[in-house]
Amino acid sequence: MNQVYIGIGSNQNHPHFRVQRAFKQINRIHETRLIRKSSLYETVPLGPKFQPNFINAVVEIETMLSPNKLLEELQLLEKNHNRKKTKRWGPRSLDLDILIYEQVIMDTEKLIIPHPGLKYREFVLIPLYEITSYGYKVPKYGNINKLIKNL
């Protein structure tokens, strides 16, 4: 089984409910099981400020799926939540990002692992810190404690 961390966010149509529902739906992906989930965090939008605050969380899963197959499954969940890709960093019914997949470092047209914005985003690092051990090493970026201090 592969250890994977997924970032979850929503700021439309009952975001608390959507994130909680995403926990259950991720656990139902074949060859995948949810191991840990962070608390829910309310955060201001990264992009345009004239939108509701986001509810964010991070989950740890174990999966037998490849990174690309997992991405397909997560995009299907987003679609089932009526996710519309409008403008960059705009409002979202559900946003699911593969943050870390084992120690994999990859950069393809469809997928970059670890997530390129991970080290700059408090709404990812804080919940990730909550569900990992002290001193957890983020592939490519290093110690999570140092990443948080650098915010």
C-alpha atoms as a PDB file:
ATOM      1  CA  MET A   1       0.000   0.000   0.000  1.00  0.00           C
ATOM      2  CA  ASN A   2       1.136   3.531  -0.791  1.00  0.00           C
ATOM      3  CA  GLN A   3       0.906   6.311   1.806  1.00  0.00           C
ATOM      4  CA  VAL A   4      -0.703   9.409   0.302  1.00  0.00           C
ATOM      5  CA  TYR A   5      -1.795  12.787   1.674  1.00  0.00           C
ATOM      6  CA  ILE A   6      -4.684  14.613   0.013  1.00  0.00           C
ATOM      7  CA  GLY A   7      -5.696  18.236   0.530  1.00  0.00           C
ATOM      8  CA  ILE A   8      -9.419  18.944   0.615  1.00  0.00           C
ATOM      9  CA  GLY A   9     -11.100  22.326   0.258  1.00  0.00           C
ATOM     10  CA  SER A  10     -14.555  23.784  -0.348  1.00  0.00           C
ATOM     11  CA  ASN A  11     -16.177  27.193  -0.143  1.00  0.00           C
ATOM     12  CA  GLN A  12     -19.507  26.670  -1.895  1.00  0.00           C
ATOM     13  CA  ASN A  13     -22.820  25.017  -1.092  1.00  0.00           C
ATOM     14  CA  HIS A  14     -22.332  23.915   2.521  1.00  0.00           C
ATOM     15  CA  PRO A  15     -18.528  23.483   2.568  1.00  0.00           C
ATOM     16  CA  HIS A  16     -18.421  21.776   6.003  1.00  0.00           C
ATOM     17  CA  PHE A  17     -20.801  19.126   4.702  1.00  0.00           C
ATOM     18  CA  ARG A  18     -18.871  18.718   1.435  1.00  0.00           C
ATOM     19  CA  VAL A  19     -15.543  18.171   3.181  1.00  0.00           C
ATOM     20  CA  GLN A  20     -17.073  15.676   5.631  1.00  0.00           C
ATOM     21  CA  ARG A  21     -18.723  13.872   2.706  1.00  0.00           C
ATOM     22  CA  ALA A  22     -15.404  13.825   0.831  1.00  0.00           C
ATOM     23  CA  PHE A  23     -13.831  11.965   3.783  1.00  0.00           C
ATOM     24  CA  LYS A  24     -16.385   9.178   3.350  1.00  0.00           C
ATOM     25  CA  GLN A  25     -16.183   9.145  -0.428  1.00  0.00           C
ATOM     26  CA  ILE A  26     -12.381   8.956  -0.489  1.00  0.00           C
ATOM     27  CA  ASN A  27     -12.608   5.981   1.865  1.00  0.00           C
ATOM     28  CA  ARG A  28     -14.867   4.259  -0.699  1.00  0.00           C
ATOM     29  CA  ILE A  29     -12.416   4.525  -3.609  1.00  0.00           C
ATOM     30  CA  HIS A  30     -11.445   0.980  -4.582  1.00  0.00           C
ATOM     31  CA  GLU A  31      -8.115  -0.289  -3.245  1.00  0.00           C
ATOM     32  CA  THR A  32      -7.997   2.732  -0.931  1.00  0.00           C
ATOM     33  CA  ARG A  33      -8.664   3.337   2.739  1.00  0.00           C
ATOM     34  CA  LEU A  34      -8.668   6.438   4.866  1.00  0.00           C
ATOM     35  CA  ILE A  35      -6.139   6.281   7.709  1.00  0.00           C
ATOM     36  CA  ARG A  36      -6.308   9.742   9.350  1.00  0.00           C
ATOM     37  CA  LYS A  37      -8.110  13.002   8.828  1.00  0.00           C
ATOM     38  CA  SER A  38      -7.242  16.419  10.168  1.00  0.00           C
ATOM     39  CA  SER A  39      -9.538  18.859  11.844  1.00  0.00           C
ATOM     40  CA  LEU A  40     -11.440  21.275   9.621  1.00  0.00           C
ATOM     41  CA  TYR A  41      -9.852  24.702   9.184  1.00  0.00           C
ATOM     42  CA  GLU A  42     -11.559  27.852   7.974  1.00  0.00           C
ATOM     43  CA  THR A  43      -9.244  29.956   5.832  1.00  0.00           C
ATOM     44  CA  VAL A  44      -9.427  33.040   3.656  1.00  0.00           C
ATOM     45  CA  PRO A  45      -9.307  32.451  -0.112  1.00  0.00           C
ATOM     46  CA  LEU A  46      -5.892  32.312  -1.745  1.00  0.00           C
ATOM     47  CA  GLY A  47      -7.067  34.100  -4.892  1.00  0.00           C
ATOM     48  CA  PRO A  48      -9.912  36.563  -5.440  1.00  0.00           C
ATOM     49  CA  LYS A  49     -11.041  37.913  -2.066  1.00  0.00           C
ATOM     50  CA  PHE A  50     -14.693  38.435  -3.032  1.00  0.00           C
ATOM     51  CA  GLN A  51     -15.684  34.851  -2.290  1.00  0.00           C
ATOM     52  CA  PRO A  52     -16.557  32.891   0.858  1.00  0.00           C
ATOM     53  CA  ASN A  53     -13.861  31.518   3.157  1.00  0.00           C
ATOM     54  CA  PHE A  54     -12.731  27.955   2.544  1.00  0.00           C
ATOM     55  CA  ILE A  55     -13.057  24.925   4.756  1.00  0.00           C
ATOM     56  CA  ASN A  56      -9.841  22.894   4.427  1.00  0.00           C
ATOM     57  CA  ALA A  57      -8.525  19.583   5.700  1.00  0.00           C
ATOM     58  CA  VAL A  58      -5.903  16.964   4.888  1.00  0.00           C
ATOM     59  CA  VAL A  59      -6.370  13.198   4.902  1.00  0.00           C
ATOM     60  CA  GLU A  60      -3.875  10.372   4.943  1.00  0.00           C
ATOM     61  CA  ILE A  61      -4.847   7.373   2.860  1.00  0.00           C
ATOM     62  CA  GLU A  62      -3.335   4.077   1.850  1.00  0.00           C
ATOM     63  CA  THR A  63      -3.940   3.053  -1.733  1.00  0.00           C
ATOM     64  CA  MET A  64      -2.852   0.527  -4.324  1.00  0.00           C
ATOM     65  CA  LEU A  65      -3.757   2.981  -7.102  1.00  0.00           C
ATOM     66  CA  SER A  66      -1.051   4.671  -9.142  1.00  0.00           C
ATOM     67  CA  PRO A  67      -0.765   8.456  -8.814  1.00  0.00           C
ATOM     68  CA  ASN A  68      -2.516   8.991 -12.163  1.00  0.00           C
ATOM     69  CA  LYS A  69      -5.329   6.540 -11.409  1.00  0.00           C
ATOM     70  CA  LEU A  70      -5.840   8.157  -7.988  1.00  0.00           C
ATOM     71  CA  LEU A  71      -5.980  11.574  -9.677  1.00  0.00           C
ATOM     72  CA  GLU A  72      -8.713  10.265 -12.008  1.00  0.00           C
ATOM     73  CA  GLU A  73     -10.737   8.997  -9.033  1.00  0.00           C
ATOM     74  CA  LEU A  74     -10.369  12.302  -7.170  1.00  0.00           C
ATOM     75  CA  GLN A  75     -11.391  14.286 -10.256  1.00  0.00           C
ATOM     76  CA  LEU A  76     -14.484  12.077 -10.564  1.00  0.00           C
ATOM     77  CA  LEU A  77     -15.385  12.926  -6.952  1.00  0.00           C
ATOM     78  CA  GLU A  78     -14.945  16.639  -7.732  1.00  0.00           C
ATOM     79  CA  LYS A  79     -17.190  16.256 -10.761  1.00  0.00           C
ATOM     80  CA  ASN A  80     -19.823  14.488  -8.627  1.00  0.00           C
ATOM     81  CA  HIS A  81     -19.797  17.588  -6.394  1.00  0.00           C
ATOM     82  CA  ASN A  82     -20.490  19.773  -9.448  1.00  0.00           C
ATOM     83  CA  ARG A  83     -16.985  21.215  -9.482  1.00  0.00           C
ATOM     84  CA  LYS A  84     -16.718  23.831 -12.205  1.00  0.00           C
ATOM     85  CA  LYS A  85     -13.260  24.999 -13.236  1.00  0.00           C
ATOM     86  CA  THR A  86     -13.844  28.673 -13.883  1.00  0.00           C
ATOM     87  CA  LYS A  87     -11.043  30.982 -12.864  1.00  0.00           C
ATOM     88  CA  ARG A  88      -7.806  30.218 -11.110  1.00  0.00           C
ATOM     89  CA  TRP A  89      -8.193  30.195  -7.318  1.00  0.00           C
ATOM     90  CA  GLY A  90     -11.895  30.914  -7.687  1.00  0.00           C
ATOM     91  CA  PRO A  91     -14.748  29.441  -5.648  1.00  0.00           C
ATOM     92  CA  ARG A  92     -15.023  25.652  -5.549  1.00  0.00           C
ATOM     93  CA  SER A  93     -17.634  23.177  -4.469  1.00  0.00           C
ATOM     94  CA  LEU A  94     -14.850  20.652  -3.834  1.00  0.00           C
ATOM     95  CA  ASP A  95     -11.114  20.697  -4.474  1.00  0.00           C
ATOM     96  CA  LEU A  96      -9.036  17.535  -3.985  1.00  0.00           C
ATOM     97  CA  ASP A  97      -5.257  17.696  -4.425  1.00  0.00           C
ATOM     98  CA  ILE A  98      -2.686  14.936  -4.136  1.00  0.00           C
ATOM     99  CA  LEU A  99      -0.135  16.593  -1.874  1.00  0.00           C
ATOM    100  CA  ILE A 100       2.294  13.740  -1.254  1.00  0.00           C
ATOM    101  CA  TYR A 101       2.449  10.225  -2.686  1.00  0.00           C
ATOM    102  CA  GLU A 102       5.033   8.156  -0.808  1.00  0.00           C
ATOM    103  CA  GLN A 103       8.445   9.647  -1.621  1.00  0.00           C
ATOM    104  CA  VAL A 104       7.497  10.112  -5.287  1.00  0.00           C
ATOM    105  CA  ILE A 105       8.698  13.221  -7.067  1.00  0.00           C
ATOM    106  CA  MET A 106       7.069  13.667 -10.456  1.00  0.00           C
ATOM    107  CA  ASP A 107       6.289  16.512 -12.827  1.00  0.00           C
ATOM    108  CA  THR A 108       4.038  15.704 -15.766  1.00  0.00           C
ATOM    109  CA  GLU A 109       1.504  17.706 -17.713  1.00  0.00           C
ATOM    110  CA  LYS A 110      -1.330  16.217 -15.628  1.00  0.00           C
ATOM    111  CA  LEU A 111       0.229  15.854 -12.189  1.00  0.00           C
ATOM    112  CA  ILE A 112       2.994  17.318 -10.049  1.00  0.00           C
ATOM    113  CA  ILE A 113       3.974  15.529  -6.835  1.00  0.00           C
ATOM    114  CA  PRO A 114       4.596  16.797  -4.232  1.00  0.00           C
ATOM    115  CA  HIS A 115       2.032  19.503  -4.864  1.00  0.00           C
ATOM    116  CA  PRO A 116       3.974  22.600  -5.972  1.00  0.00           C
ATOM    117  CA  GLY A 117       2.107  25.005  -3.677  1.00  0.00           C
ATOM    118  CA  LEU A 118       2.347  22.820  -0.593  1.00  0.00           C
ATOM    119  CA  LYS A 119       5.277  24.632   1.022  1.00  0.00           C
ATOM    120  CA  TYR A 120       3.597  28.049   0.726  1.00  0.00           C
ATOM    121  CA  ARG A 121       0.137  27.212   2.012  1.00  0.00           C
ATOM    122  CA  GLU A 122      -0.707  27.372   5.687  1.00  0.00           C
ATOM    123  CA  PHE A 123      -4.095  25.764   4.976  1.00  0.00           C
ATOM    124  CA  VAL A 124      -2.221  22.654   3.807  1.00  0.00           C
ATOM    125  CA  LEU A 125       0.807  22.600   6.118  1.00  0.00           C
ATOM    126  CA  ILE A 126      -1.081  23.036   9.400  1.00  0.00           C
ATOM    127  CA  PRO A 127      -3.543  20.164   8.842  1.00  0.00           C
ATOM    128  CA  LEU A 128      -0.722  18.032   7.392  1.00  0.00           C
ATOM    129  CA  TYR A 129       1.335  18.720  10.520  1.00  0.00           C
ATOM    130  CA  GLU A 130      -1.646  17.722  12.660  1.00  0.00           C
ATOM    131  CA  ILE A 131      -1.798  14.198  11.186  1.00  0.00           C
ATOM    132  CA  THR A 132       1.933  13.493  10.750  1.00  0.00           C
ATOM    133  CA  SER A 133       4.671  13.049  13.288  1.00  0.00           C
ATOM    134  CA  TYR A 134       6.834  15.849  14.639  1.00  0.00           C
ATOM    135  CA  GLY A 135       9.665  16.430  12.203  1.00  0.00           C
ATOM    136  CA  TYR A 136       7.892  14.763   9.260  1.00  0.00           C
ATOM    137  CA  LYS A 137       9.962  15.169   6.089  1.00  0.00           C
ATOM    138  CA  VAL A 138       7.988  16.381   3.092  1.00  0.00           C
ATOM    139  CA  PRO A 139       9.540  14.905  -0.065  1.00  0.00           C
ATOM    140  CA  LYS A 140      11.558  17.528  -1.979  1.00  0.00           C
ATOM    141  CA  TYR A 141      10.769  20.294   0.551  1.00  0.00           C
ATOM    142  CA  GLY A 142      12.112  18.986   3.864  1.00  0.00           C
ATOM    143  CA  ASN A 143      11.071  19.197   7.506  1.00  0.00           C
ATOM    144  CA  ILE A 144       7.450  20.255   7.999  1.00  0.00           C
ATOM    145  CA  ASN A 145       8.345  22.202  11.161  1.00  0.00           C
ATOM    146  CA  LYS A 146      10.750  24.374   9.159  1.00  0.00           C
ATOM    147  CA  LEU A 147       8.240  24.827   6.342  1.00  0.00           C
ATOM    148  CA  ILE A 148       5.670  26.117   8.836  1.00  0.00           C
ATOM    149  CA  LYS A 149       8.213  28.458  10.448  1.00  0.00           C
ATOM    150  CA  ASN A 150       9.005  29.892   6.986  1.00  0.00           C
ATOM    151  CA  LEU A 151       5.390  30.885   6.292  1.00  0.00           C
END
